[in-house]
Amino acid sequence: MQTRSGSPPKEKAGPMPPAPAGFADEIDRYLGYVELEKGLSRNTALSYESDLRQAAHFLKKHGASNWNKVTANHLTSWLHWLSDEQFSPSSQARKLSAVRMLCRHLKKEEIRRDDPTALLAGPKLRRKLPETLSTTDMEKLLSVPMGGDAYAIRDRAMLELFYSSGLRISELSGLSLQQVDLENGFVRVFGKGAKERVVPLGGRARDAVMVYLASGRARLVKPRTGSELFISERGRAISRKTVWVIVKKYAKLAGLGKSVKPHLLRHSFATHLLGGGADLRAIQEMLGHASIGTTQIYTAVENSRLLDQHAKHHPRNRKK
């Protein structure tokens, strides 16, 4: 099936047909390489395959008989077609990335002498600002787990630690007793790529975790319980899915009126620190971001909040 312009089918048109002759063998060899040598998952490899096949059909139709004959002009035409066919900027960027990696591989293997993607610029992506909770909403959420039963004590400690440290949900659910130093007020975290970082704990989080360890966790321990900090009713490490359910439950009980995902606590941690005057580099370190550029998104969130507050409350912005 082809589009109105006679070009390759879009993704919604069904399964992508096999790559044309002259392109198929190199695609297959490259996919085998990324799966076996690079350890990419099968699903990721299948995504690459679909994008590369689609590009190959376009390139074949527009004069390139194989990957060796593909020029920067061919690829520029292909990018224009993707835009004309209204593929989203993120889809365009993903497809270009797949072709770029294949071309680099072909050059590395000396199948091509050059990389036709070297000077190509991808579409400009508008980064979506992360959602956050206001400090007022955060206080409402943290105040919901009340009472002296083991689950309320656990959930109160978990939410306080989550917001105080800005951990990823996988880092939170995987915390062990040995990673938490309440005496000195920090947690030692092993994040992406097994990179270790130390994150401070606020006073309220320390107090809540102390109460949990003294009178909550012991009631959840079972004979086969290990050293996990937060444990389920079965005495095993609490799962990410359970953390998700807990956060959503308390957000609803707090009457926040919006869908609150666990990652909002991490975003709120960073945004509230920045709003309070914390150094961006320090926030980067606490979040475990490899690049300061990733952390800078929170400056945009803070700027957006300030603009909103100015628009709402400055007397010269009020309608007459």
C-alpha atoms as a PDB file:
ATOM      1  CA  MET A   1       0.000   0.000   0.000  1.00  0.00           C
ATOM      2  CA  GLN A   2       1.250   3.454  -0.896  1.00  0.00           C
ATOM      3  CA  THR A   3       0.302   6.962   0.104  1.00  0.00           C
ATOM      4  CA  ARG A   4      -1.235   9.576  -2.203  1.00  0.00           C
ATOM      5  CA  SER A   5       2.269  10.693  -3.183  1.00  0.00           C
ATOM      6  CA  GLY A   6       3.274   7.185  -4.238  1.00  0.00           C
ATOM      7  CA  SER A   7       5.749   6.947  -1.382  1.00  0.00           C
ATOM      8  CA  PRO A   8       6.134   4.153   1.181  1.00  0.00           C
ATOM      9  CA  PRO A   9       3.211   3.420   3.509  1.00  0.00           C
ATOM     10  CA  LYS A  10       2.933   5.200   6.805  1.00  0.00           C
ATOM     11  CA  GLU A  11       3.150   3.266  10.044  1.00  0.00           C
ATOM     12  CA  LYS A  12      -0.627   3.041  10.514  1.00  0.00           C
ATOM     13  CA  ALA A  13      -1.078   1.296   7.156  1.00  0.00           C
ATOM     14  CA  GLY A  14      -0.182  -2.106   8.610  1.00  0.00           C
ATOM     15  CA  PRO A  15       2.962  -4.240   8.823  1.00  0.00           C
ATOM     16  CA  MET A  16       5.896  -2.823   6.898  1.00  0.00           C
ATOM     17  CA  PRO A  17       6.676  -4.927   3.779  1.00  0.00           C
ATOM     18  CA  PRO A  18      10.131  -6.515   3.515  1.00  0.00           C
ATOM     19  CA  ALA A  19      12.995  -4.205   2.608  1.00  0.00           C
ATOM     20  CA  PRO A  20      13.702  -4.015  -1.129  1.00  0.00           C
ATOM     21  CA  ALA A  21      16.605  -5.815  -2.794  1.00  0.00           C
ATOM     22  CA  GLY A  22      19.883  -4.030  -2.306  1.00  0.00           C
ATOM     23  CA  PHE A  23      18.868  -2.871   1.174  1.00  0.00           C
ATOM     24  CA  ALA A  24      17.516  -5.960   2.934  1.00  0.00           C
ATOM     25  CA  ASP A  25      20.786  -7.826   3.541  1.00  0.00           C
ATOM     26  CA  GLU A  26      22.540  -4.882   5.226  1.00  0.00           C
ATOM     27  CA  ILE A  27      19.501  -4.219   7.410  1.00  0.00           C
ATOM     28  CA  ASP A  28      19.379  -7.853   8.527  1.00  0.00           C
ATOM     29  CA  ARG A  29      23.104  -7.926   9.295  1.00  0.00           C
ATOM     30  CA  TYR A  30      22.905  -4.661  11.213  1.00  0.00           C
ATOM     31  CA  LEU A  31      19.932  -5.832  13.293  1.00  0.00           C
ATOM     32  CA  GLY A  32      21.796  -9.026  14.136  1.00  0.00           C
ATOM     33  CA  TYR A  33      24.754  -6.913  15.222  1.00  0.00           C
ATOM     34  CA  VAL A  34      22.756  -4.618  17.534  1.00  0.00           C
ATOM     35  CA  GLU A  35      20.964  -7.567  19.134  1.00  0.00           C
ATOM     36  CA  LEU A  36      23.970  -9.799  19.669  1.00  0.00           C
ATOM     37  CA  GLU A  37      26.815  -7.305  20.112  1.00  0.00           C
ATOM     38  CA  LYS A  38      25.011  -4.329  21.614  1.00  0.00           C
ATOM     39  CA  GLY A  39      22.461  -6.273  23.641  1.00  0.00           C
ATOM     40  CA  LEU A  40      19.437  -4.344  22.357  1.00  0.00           C
ATOM     41  CA  SER A  41      16.085  -5.905  23.134  1.00  0.00           C
ATOM     42  CA  ARG A  42      14.071  -7.664  20.459  1.00  0.00           C
ATOM     43  CA  ASN A  43      11.354  -4.992  20.628  1.00  0.00           C
ATOM     44  CA  THR A  44      13.889  -2.214  20.035  1.00  0.00           C
ATOM     45  CA  ALA A  45      15.401  -4.129  17.133  1.00  0.00           C
ATOM     46  CA  LEU A  46      11.934  -4.596  15.604  1.00  0.00           C
ATOM     47  CA  SER A  47      11.322  -0.856  15.891  1.00  0.00           C
ATOM     48  CA  TYR A  48      14.613  -0.177  14.078  1.00  0.00           C
ATOM     49  CA  GLU A  49      13.680  -2.724  11.434  1.00  0.00           C
ATOM     50  CA  SER A  50      10.359  -1.042  10.674  1.00  0.00           C
ATOM     51  CA  ASP A  51      11.976   2.401  10.390  1.00  0.00           C
ATOM     52  CA  LEU A  52      14.832   1.145   8.216  1.00  0.00           C
ATOM     53  CA  ARG A  53      12.506  -0.751   5.907  1.00  0.00           C
ATOM     54  CA  GLN A  54      10.340   2.305   5.417  1.00  0.00           C
ATOM     55  CA  ALA A  55      13.380   4.462   4.642  1.00  0.00           C
ATOM     56  CA  ALA A  56      14.713   1.821   2.249  1.00  0.00           C
ATOM     57  CA  HIS A  57      11.458   1.779   0.240  1.00  0.00           C
ATOM     58  CA  PHE A  58      11.587   5.542  -0.154  1.00  0.00           C
ATOM     59  CA  LEU A  59      15.275   5.553  -1.083  1.00  0.00           C
ATOM     60  CA  LYS A  60      14.809   2.747  -3.635  1.00  0.00           C
ATOM     61  CA  LYS A  61      11.912   4.577  -5.262  1.00  0.00           C
ATOM     62  CA  HIS A  62      13.933   7.787  -5.439  1.00  0.00           C
ATOM     63  CA  GLY A  63      16.986   6.458  -7.247  1.00  0.00           C
ATOM     64  CA  ALA A  64      19.251   4.658  -4.731  1.00  0.00           C
ATOM     65  CA  SER A  65      19.764   1.010  -5.648  1.00  0.00           C
ATOM     66  CA  ASN A  66      21.412   0.082  -2.322  1.00  0.00           C
ATOM     67  CA  TRP A  67      22.821   1.631   0.855  1.00  0.00           C
ATOM     68  CA  ASN A  68      26.110   2.409  -0.894  1.00  0.00           C
ATOM     69  CA  LYS A  69      24.308   4.627  -3.393  1.00  0.00           C
ATOM     70  CA  VAL A  70      22.386   6.637  -0.797  1.00  0.00           C
ATOM     71  CA  THR A  71      23.392  10.311  -0.709  1.00  0.00           C
ATOM     72  CA  ALA A  72      22.681  13.181   1.642  1.00  0.00           C
ATOM     73  CA  ASN A  73      20.273  14.544  -0.988  1.00  0.00           C
ATOM     74  CA  HIS A  74      18.302  11.291  -0.952  1.00  0.00           C
ATOM     75  CA  LEU A  75      18.033  11.473   2.816  1.00  0.00           C
ATOM     76  CA  THR A  76      17.066  15.156   2.768  1.00  0.00           C
ATOM     77  CA  SER A  77      14.206  14.299   0.400  1.00  0.00           C
ATOM     78  CA  TRP A  78      13.194  11.488   2.720  1.00  0.00           C
ATOM     79  CA  LEU A  79      13.116  13.855   5.722  1.00  0.00           C
ATOM     80  CA  HIS A  80      10.998  16.312   3.743  1.00  0.00           C
ATOM     81  CA  TRP A  81       8.608  13.495   2.879  1.00  0.00           C
ATOM     82  CA  LEU A  82       8.305  12.496   6.551  1.00  0.00           C
ATOM     83  CA  SER A  83       7.425  16.085   7.380  1.00  0.00           C
ATOM     84  CA  ASP A  84       4.936  16.387   4.493  1.00  0.00           C
ATOM     85  CA  GLU A  85       3.260  13.159   5.604  1.00  0.00           C
ATOM     86  CA  GLN A  86       2.862  14.732   9.061  1.00  0.00           C
ATOM     87  CA  PHE A  87       4.963  12.332  11.059  1.00  0.00           C
ATOM     88  CA  SER A  88       5.516  13.872  14.476  1.00  0.00           C
ATOM     89  CA  PRO A  89       8.915  15.492  15.161  1.00  0.00           C
ATOM     90  CA  SER A  90       9.704  12.727  17.658  1.00  0.00           C
ATOM     91  CA  SER A  91       8.922  10.031  15.037  1.00  0.00           C
ATOM     92  CA  GLN A  92      11.061  11.838  12.461  1.00  0.00           C
ATOM     93  CA  ALA A  93      13.935  12.049  14.950  1.00  0.00           C
ATOM     94  CA  ARG A  94      13.618   8.353  15.807  1.00  0.00           C
ATOM     95  CA  LYS A  95      13.640   7.307  12.150  1.00  0.00           C
ATOM     96  CA  LEU A  96      16.627   9.502  11.337  1.00  0.00           C
ATOM     97  CA  SER A  97      18.442   8.060  14.347  1.00  0.00           C
ATOM     98  CA  ALA A  98      17.888   4.502  13.037  1.00  0.00           C
ATOM     99  CA  VAL A  99      19.248   5.398   9.593  1.00  0.00           C
ATOM    100  CA  ARG A 100      22.121   7.397  11.089  1.00  0.00           C
ATOM    101  CA  MET A 101      23.241   4.469  13.240  1.00  0.00           C
ATOM    102  CA  LEU A 102      23.059   2.074  10.289  1.00  0.00           C
ATOM    103  CA  CYS A 103      25.140   4.412   8.093  1.00  0.00           C
ATOM    104  CA  ARG A 104      27.741   4.838  10.814  1.00  0.00           C
ATOM    105  CA  HIS A 105      27.925   1.061  11.120  1.00  0.00           C
ATOM    106  CA  LEU A 106      28.384   0.670   7.365  1.00  0.00           C
ATOM    107  CA  LYS A 107      31.234   3.173   7.422  1.00  0.00           C
ATOM    108  CA  LYS A 108      32.843   1.458  10.414  1.00  0.00           C
ATOM    109  CA  GLU A 109      32.666  -1.875   8.591  1.00  0.00           C
ATOM    110  CA  GLU A 110      34.155  -0.176   5.496  1.00  0.00           C
ATOM    111  CA  ILE A 111      31.084  -1.000   3.440  1.00  0.00           C
ATOM    112  CA  ARG A 112      30.740   2.735   2.805  1.00  0.00           C
ATOM    113  CA  ARG A 113      33.546   5.265   2.613  1.00  0.00           C
ATOM    114  CA  ASP A 114      31.457   8.084   4.084  1.00  0.00           C
ATOM    115  CA  ASP A 115      28.440   8.731   6.286  1.00  0.00           C
ATOM    116  CA  PRO A 116      25.668  10.496   4.301  1.00  0.00           C
ATOM    117  CA  THR A 117      23.884  11.447   7.530  1.00  0.00           C
ATOM    118  CA  ALA A 118      26.867  13.334   8.975  1.00  0.00           C
ATOM    119  CA  LEU A 119      25.604  16.814   8.066  1.00  0.00           C
ATOM    120  CA  LEU A 120      21.879  16.130   8.364  1.00  0.00           C
ATOM    121  CA  ALA A 121      19.979  18.003  11.047  1.00  0.00           C
ATOM    122  CA  GLY A 122      16.994  16.355  12.657  1.00  0.00           C
ATOM    123  CA  PRO A 123      13.719  18.100  13.503  1.00  0.00           C
ATOM    124  CA  LYS A 124      13.669  20.485  16.430  1.00  0.00           C
ATOM    125  CA  LEU A 125      11.976  18.786  19.354  1.00  0.00           C
ATOM    126  CA  ARG A 126       9.999  20.780  21.850  1.00  0.00           C
ATOM    127  CA  ARG A 127      10.647  19.308  25.240  1.00  0.00           C
ATOM    128  CA  LYS A 128       7.483  18.823  27.190  1.00  0.00           C
ATOM    129  CA  LEU A 129       7.758  20.404  30.605  1.00  0.00           C
ATOM    130  CA  PRO A 130       7.381  17.837  33.393  1.00  0.00           C
ATOM    131  CA  GLU A 131       4.288  18.083  35.528  1.00  0.00           C
ATOM    132  CA  THR A 132       4.780  18.878  39.199  1.00  0.00           C
ATOM    133  CA  LEU A 133       2.742  19.279  42.345  1.00  0.00           C
ATOM    134  CA  SER A 134       2.619  22.587  44.167  1.00  0.00           C
ATOM    135  CA  THR A 135       4.071  22.684  47.665  1.00  0.00           C
ATOM    136  CA  THR A 136       0.501  22.937  48.992  1.00  0.00           C
ATOM    137  CA  ASP A 137      -0.607  19.828  47.111  1.00  0.00           C
ATOM    138  CA  MET A 138       2.543  18.043  48.206  1.00  0.00           C
ATOM    139  CA  GLU A 139       1.718  18.797  51.841  1.00  0.00           C
ATOM    140  CA  LYS A 140      -1.804  17.464  51.323  1.00  0.00           C
ATOM    141  CA  LEU A 141      -0.479  14.241  49.826  1.00  0.00           C
ATOM    142  CA  LEU A 142       2.065  13.650  52.597  1.00  0.00           C
ATOM    143  CA  SER A 143      -0.504  14.272  55.325  1.00  0.00           C
ATOM    144  CA  VAL A 144      -2.934  11.571  54.143  1.00  0.00           C
ATOM    145  CA  PRO A 145      -1.332   8.357  55.508  1.00  0.00           C
ATOM    146  CA  MET A 146      -2.526   8.545  59.106  1.00  0.00           C
ATOM    147  CA  GLY A 147      -2.848   6.026  61.898  1.00  0.00           C
ATOM    148  CA  GLY A 148      -0.649   3.502  63.608  1.00  0.00           C
ATOM    149  CA  ASP A 149      -1.123   0.391  61.491  1.00  0.00           C
ATOM    150  CA  ALA A 150       1.946  -0.985  59.720  1.00  0.00           C
ATOM    151  CA  TYR A 151       0.798  -0.015  56.234  1.00  0.00           C
ATOM    152  CA  ALA A 152       0.064   3.607  57.103  1.00  0.00           C
ATOM    153  CA  ILE A 153       3.439   3.891  58.869  1.00  0.00           C
ATOM    154  CA  ARG A 154       5.202   2.345  55.866  1.00  0.00           C
ATOM    155  CA  ASP A 155       3.391   4.483  53.312  1.00  0.00           C
ATOM    156  CA  ARG A 156       4.041   7.674  55.284  1.00  0.00           C
ATOM    157  CA  ALA A 157       7.767   6.870  55.443  1.00  0.00           C
ATOM    158  CA  MET A 158       7.865   5.917  51.770  1.00  0.00           C
ATOM    159  CA  LEU A 159       6.174   9.095  50.537  1.00  0.00           C
ATOM    160  CA  GLU A 160       8.314  11.304  52.769  1.00  0.00           C
ATOM    161  CA  LEU A 161      11.514   9.617  51.577  1.00  0.00           C
ATOM    162  CA  PHE A 162      10.363   9.744  47.949  1.00  0.00           C
ATOM    163  CA  TYR A 163       9.739  13.498  48.053  1.00  0.00           C
ATOM    164  CA  SER A 164      12.778  14.251  50.215  1.00  0.00           C
ATOM    165  CA  SER A 165      15.248  12.427  47.978  1.00  0.00           C
ATOM    166  CA  GLY A 166      13.810  12.651  44.456  1.00  0.00           C
ATOM    167  CA  LEU A 167      14.618   9.017  43.740  1.00  0.00           C
ATOM    168  CA  ARG A 168      13.402   7.179  40.680  1.00  0.00           C
ATOM    169  CA  ILE A 169      10.600   4.721  41.462  1.00  0.00           C
ATOM    170  CA  SER A 170      12.905   1.764  40.732  1.00  0.00           C
ATOM    171  CA  GLU A 171      15.506   3.192  43.109  1.00  0.00           C
ATOM    172  CA  LEU A 172      12.936   3.689  45.840  1.00  0.00           C
ATOM    173  CA  SER A 173      11.434   0.206  45.577  1.00  0.00           C
ATOM    174  CA  GLY A 174      14.906  -1.354  45.478  1.00  0.00           C
ATOM    175  CA  LEU A 175      16.333   0.383  48.553  1.00  0.00           C
ATOM    176  CA  SER A 176      17.950  -1.871  51.151  1.00  0.00           C
ATOM    177  CA  LEU A 177      18.441  -1.214  54.846  1.00  0.00           C
ATOM    178  CA  GLN A 178      22.181  -0.887  54.244  1.00  0.00           C
ATOM    179  CA  GLN A 179      21.671   2.007  51.837  1.00  0.00           C
ATOM    180  CA  VAL A 180      19.971   4.191  54.412  1.00  0.00           C
ATOM    181  CA  ASP A 181      22.109   6.115  56.922  1.00  0.00           C
ATOM    182  CA  LEU A 182      19.656   7.798  59.277  1.00  0.00           C
ATOM    183  CA  GLU A 183      22.354   8.903  61.702  1.00  0.00           C
ATOM    184  CA  ASN A 184      24.038  11.053  59.069  1.00  0.00           C
ATOM    185  CA  GLY A 185      20.879  11.739  57.081  1.00  0.00           C
ATOM    186  CA  PHE A 186      21.443  10.315  53.604  1.00  0.00           C
ATOM    187  CA  VAL A 187      20.683   7.391  51.312  1.00  0.00           C
ATOM    188  CA  ARG A 188      23.231   5.738  49.038  1.00  0.00           C
ATOM    189  CA  VAL A 189      21.647   5.051  45.672  1.00  0.00           C
ATOM    190  CA  PHE A 190      22.690   2.900  42.728  1.00  0.00           C
ATOM    191  CA  GLY A 191      21.044   4.487  39.708  1.00  0.00           C
ATOM    192  CA  LYS A 192      21.233   4.016  35.956  1.00  0.00           C
ATOM    193  CA  GLY A 193      24.341   2.184  34.848  1.00  0.00           C
ATOM    194  CA  ALA A 194      24.944   1.126  38.481  1.00  0.00           C
ATOM    195  CA  LYS A 195      26.306   4.622  39.173  1.00  0.00           C
ATOM    196  CA  GLU A 196      26.436   5.362  42.879  1.00  0.00           C
ATOM    197  CA  ARG A 197      25.345   8.671  44.373  1.00  0.00           C
ATOM    198  CA  VAL A 198      24.582   9.980  47.847  1.00  0.00           C
ATOM    199  CA  VAL A 199      21.328  11.873  48.420  1.00  0.00           C
ATOM    200  CA  PRO A 200      20.501  13.808  51.605  1.00  0.00           C
ATOM    201  CA  LEU A 201      17.343  13.120  53.597  1.00  0.00           C
ATOM    202  CA  GLY A 202      15.253  15.861  55.171  1.00  0.00           C
ATOM    203  CA  GLY A 203      14.347  15.823  58.842  1.00  0.00           C
ATOM    204  CA  ARG A 204      10.741  14.742  58.348  1.00  0.00           C
ATOM    205  CA  ALA A 205      11.757  11.895  56.066  1.00  0.00           C
ATOM    206  CA  ARG A 206      14.344  10.703  58.594  1.00  0.00           C
ATOM    207  CA  ASP A 207      11.764  10.802  61.390  1.00  0.00           C
ATOM    208  CA  ALA A 208       9.175   8.928  59.347  1.00  0.00           C
ATOM    209  CA  VAL A 209      11.662   6.207  58.334  1.00  0.00           C
ATOM    210  CA  MET A 210      12.826   5.872  61.954  1.00  0.00           C
ATOM    211  CA  VAL A 211       9.233   5.312  63.097  1.00  0.00           C
ATOM    212  CA  TYR A 212       8.715   2.786  60.296  1.00  0.00           C
ATOM    213  CA  LEU A 213      11.838   0.832  61.239  1.00  0.00           C
ATOM    214  CA  ALA A 214      10.937   0.909  64.923  1.00  0.00           C
ATOM    215  CA  SER A 215       7.273  -0.015  64.766  1.00  0.00           C
ATOM    216  CA  GLY A 216       6.073  -0.670  61.219  1.00  0.00           C
ATOM    217  CA  ARG A 217       8.465  -2.845  59.280  1.00  0.00           C
ATOM    218  CA  ALA A 218       8.751  -5.481  62.029  1.00  0.00           C
ATOM    219  CA  ARG A 219       5.035  -6.218  61.667  1.00  0.00           C
ATOM    220  CA  LEU A 220       5.450  -6.891  57.942  1.00  0.00           C
ATOM    221  CA  VAL A 221       8.535  -9.108  58.214  1.00  0.00           C
ATOM    222  CA  LYS A 222       8.118 -12.766  57.218  1.00  0.00           C
ATOM    223  CA  PRO A 223      10.574 -15.692  57.634  1.00  0.00           C
ATOM    224  CA  ARG A 224      12.006 -15.161  54.140  1.00  0.00           C
ATOM    225  CA  THR A 225      12.219 -11.366  54.293  1.00  0.00           C
ATOM    226  CA  GLY A 226      15.570  -9.981  53.175  1.00  0.00           C
ATOM    227  CA  SER A 227      17.198  -6.605  53.710  1.00  0.00           C
ATOM    228  CA  GLU A 228      14.750  -4.589  51.613  1.00  0.00           C
ATOM    229  CA  LEU A 229      13.692  -1.332  53.261  1.00  0.00           C
ATOM    230  CA  PHE A 230      10.095  -1.141  52.101  1.00  0.00           C
ATOM    231  CA  ILE A 231       8.318  -4.479  52.108  1.00  0.00           C
ATOM    232  CA  SER A 232       4.884  -5.719  51.114  1.00  0.00           C
ATOM    233  CA  GLU A 233       2.340  -7.696  53.105  1.00  0.00           C
ATOM    234  CA  ARG A 234       4.175 -10.824  51.907  1.00  0.00           C
ATOM    235  CA  GLY A 235       7.413  -9.594  53.415  1.00  0.00           C
ATOM    236  CA  ARG A 236       9.058  -9.108  50.029  1.00  0.00           C
ATOM    237  CA  ALA A 237      10.476  -5.959  48.431  1.00  0.00           C
ATOM    238  CA  ILE A 238       7.665  -3.637  47.483  1.00  0.00           C
ATOM    239  CA  SER A 239       7.173  -3.558  43.719  1.00  0.00           C
ATOM    240  CA  ARG A 240       7.106  -0.514  41.463  1.00  0.00           C
ATOM    241  CA  LYS A 241       3.509  -1.353  40.589  1.00  0.00           C
ATOM    242  CA  THR A 242       2.561  -1.273  44.274  1.00  0.00           C
ATOM    243  CA  VAL A 243       4.298   2.086  44.737  1.00  0.00           C
ATOM    244  CA  TRP A 244       2.310   3.365  41.751  1.00  0.00           C
ATOM    245  CA  VAL A 245      -0.966   2.165  43.309  1.00  0.00           C
ATOM    246  CA  ILE A 246      -0.088   3.684  46.701  1.00  0.00           C
ATOM    247  CA  VAL A 247       0.749   7.103  45.254  1.00  0.00           C
ATOM    248  CA  LYS A 248      -2.442   7.215  43.196  1.00  0.00           C
ATOM    249  CA  LYS A 249      -4.532   6.088  46.181  1.00  0.00           C
ATOM    250  CA  TYR A 250      -3.266   8.822  48.486  1.00  0.00           C
ATOM    251  CA  ALA A 251      -3.494  11.469  45.765  1.00  0.00           C
ATOM    252  CA  LYS A 252      -7.165  10.614  45.369  1.00  0.00           C
ATOM    253  CA  LEU A 253      -7.720  10.666  49.131  1.00  0.00           C
ATOM    254  CA  ALA A 254      -5.970  14.047  49.290  1.00  0.00           C
ATOM    255  CA  GLY A 255      -8.472  15.389  46.761  1.00  0.00           C
ATOM    256  CA  LEU A 256      -5.792  16.626  44.372  1.00  0.00           C
ATOM    257  CA  GLY A 257      -8.150  16.327  41.414  1.00  0.00           C
ATOM    258  CA  LYS A 258      -5.490  15.129  38.979  1.00  0.00           C
ATOM    259  CA  SER A 259      -3.779  11.914  38.046  1.00  0.00           C
ATOM    260  CA  VAL A 260      -0.640  11.779  40.170  1.00  0.00           C
ATOM    261  CA  LYS A 261       2.070   9.433  38.957  1.00  0.00           C
ATOM    262  CA  PRO A 262       5.071   8.518  41.123  1.00  0.00           C
ATOM    263  CA  HIS A 263       7.440  10.455  38.865  1.00  0.00           C
ATOM    264  CA  LEU A 264       5.624  13.669  39.825  1.00  0.00           C
ATOM    265  CA  LEU A 265       7.220  13.396  43.258  1.00  0.00           C
ATOM    266  CA  ARG A 266      10.674  13.349  41.664  1.00  0.00           C
ATOM    267  CA  HIS A 267       9.804  16.304  39.439  1.00  0.00           C
ATOM    268  CA  SER A 268       8.334  18.176  42.407  1.00  0.00           C
ATOM    269  CA  PHE A 269      11.458  17.500  44.480  1.00  0.00           C
ATOM    270  CA  ALA A 270      13.678  19.096  41.826  1.00  0.00           C
ATOM    271  CA  THR A 271      11.368  22.010  41.038  1.00  0.00           C
ATOM    272  CA  HIS A 272      10.799  22.916  44.694  1.00  0.00           C
ATOM    273  CA  LEU A 273      14.535  22.764  45.422  1.00  0.00           C
ATOM    274  CA  LEU A 274      15.234  25.065  42.490  1.00  0.00           C
ATOM    275  CA  GLY A 275      12.467  27.425  43.550  1.00  0.00           C
ATOM    276  CA  GLY A 276      13.994  27.533  47.022  1.00  0.00           C
ATOM    277  CA  GLY A 277      17.349  28.653  45.633  1.00  0.00           C
ATOM    278  CA  ALA A 278      19.252  25.353  45.324  1.00  0.00           C
ATOM    279  CA  ASP A 279      22.173  25.191  42.897  1.00  0.00           C
ATOM    280  CA  LEU A 280      21.361  23.459  39.596  1.00  0.00           C
ATOM    281  CA  ARG A 281      24.542  21.377  39.741  1.00  0.00           C
ATOM    282  CA  ALA A 282      23.605  20.113  43.200  1.00  0.00           C
ATOM    283  CA  ILE A 283      20.153  19.131  41.931  1.00  0.00           C
ATOM    284  CA  GLN A 284      21.778  17.337  38.988  1.00  0.00           C
ATOM    285  CA  GLU A 285      23.934  15.366  41.397  1.00  0.00           C
ATOM    286  CA  MET A 286      21.009  14.426  43.633  1.00  0.00           C
ATOM    287  CA  LEU A 287      18.856  13.334  40.690  1.00  0.00           C
ATOM    288  CA  GLY A 288      21.684  11.310  39.169  1.00  0.00           C
ATOM    289  CA  HIS A 289      21.512  13.027  35.773  1.00  0.00           C
ATOM    290  CA  ALA A 290      24.545  12.401  33.585  1.00  0.00           C
ATOM    291  CA  SER A 291      24.103  15.753  31.837  1.00  0.00           C
ATOM    292  CA  ILE A 292      23.292  19.174  33.264  1.00  0.00           C
ATOM    293  CA  GLY A 293      21.141  19.661  30.161  1.00  0.00           C
ATOM    294  CA  THR A 294      18.654  17.106  31.483  1.00  0.00           C
ATOM    295  CA  THR A 295      18.373  18.962  34.768  1.00  0.00           C
ATOM    296  CA  GLN A 296      17.919  22.346  33.082  1.00  0.00           C
ATOM    297  CA  ILE A 297      14.367  21.406  32.127  1.00  0.00           C
ATOM    298  CA  TYR A 298      13.423  22.310  35.690  1.00  0.00           C
ATOM    299  CA  THR A 299      14.534  25.904  35.153  1.00  0.00           C
ATOM    300  CA  ALA A 300      11.918  26.079  32.407  1.00  0.00           C
ATOM    301  CA  VAL A 301       9.316  24.692  34.816  1.00  0.00           C
ATOM    302  CA  GLU A 302      10.232  27.311  37.407  1.00  0.00           C
ATOM    303  CA  ASN A 303      10.205  30.102  34.816  1.00  0.00           C
ATOM    304  CA  SER A 304       6.806  28.932  33.606  1.00  0.00           C
ATOM    305  CA  ARG A 305       5.491  28.984  37.175  1.00  0.00           C
ATOM    306  CA  LEU A 306       6.794  32.513  37.728  1.00  0.00           C
ATOM    307  CA  LEU A 307       5.214  33.740  34.498  1.00  0.00           C
ATOM    308  CA  ASP A 308       1.924  32.193  35.529  1.00  0.00           C
ATOM    309  CA  GLN A 309       2.073  33.820  38.959  1.00  0.00           C
ATOM    310  CA  HIS A 310       2.932  37.195  37.405  1.00  0.00           C
ATOM    311  CA  ALA A 311       0.038  36.924  34.947  1.00  0.00           C
ATOM    312  CA  LYS A 312      -2.399  36.074  37.713  1.00  0.00           C
ATOM    313  CA  HIS A 313      -1.362  38.508  40.394  1.00  0.00           C
ATOM    314  CA  HIS A 314       0.365  41.587  38.945  1.00  0.00           C
ATOM    315  CA  PRO A 315      -2.101  44.508  38.991  1.00  0.00           C
ATOM    316  CA  ARG A 316      -1.177  45.615  35.458  1.00  0.00           C
ATOM    317  CA  ASN A 317      -2.140  42.185  34.100  1.00  0.00           C
ATOM    318  CA  ARG A 318      -5.682  42.279  35.468  1.00  0.00           C
ATOM    319  CA  LYS A 319      -8.479  42.845  33.046  1.00  0.00           C
ATOM    320  CA  LYS A 320     -10.231  46.195  33.327  1.00  0.00           C
END
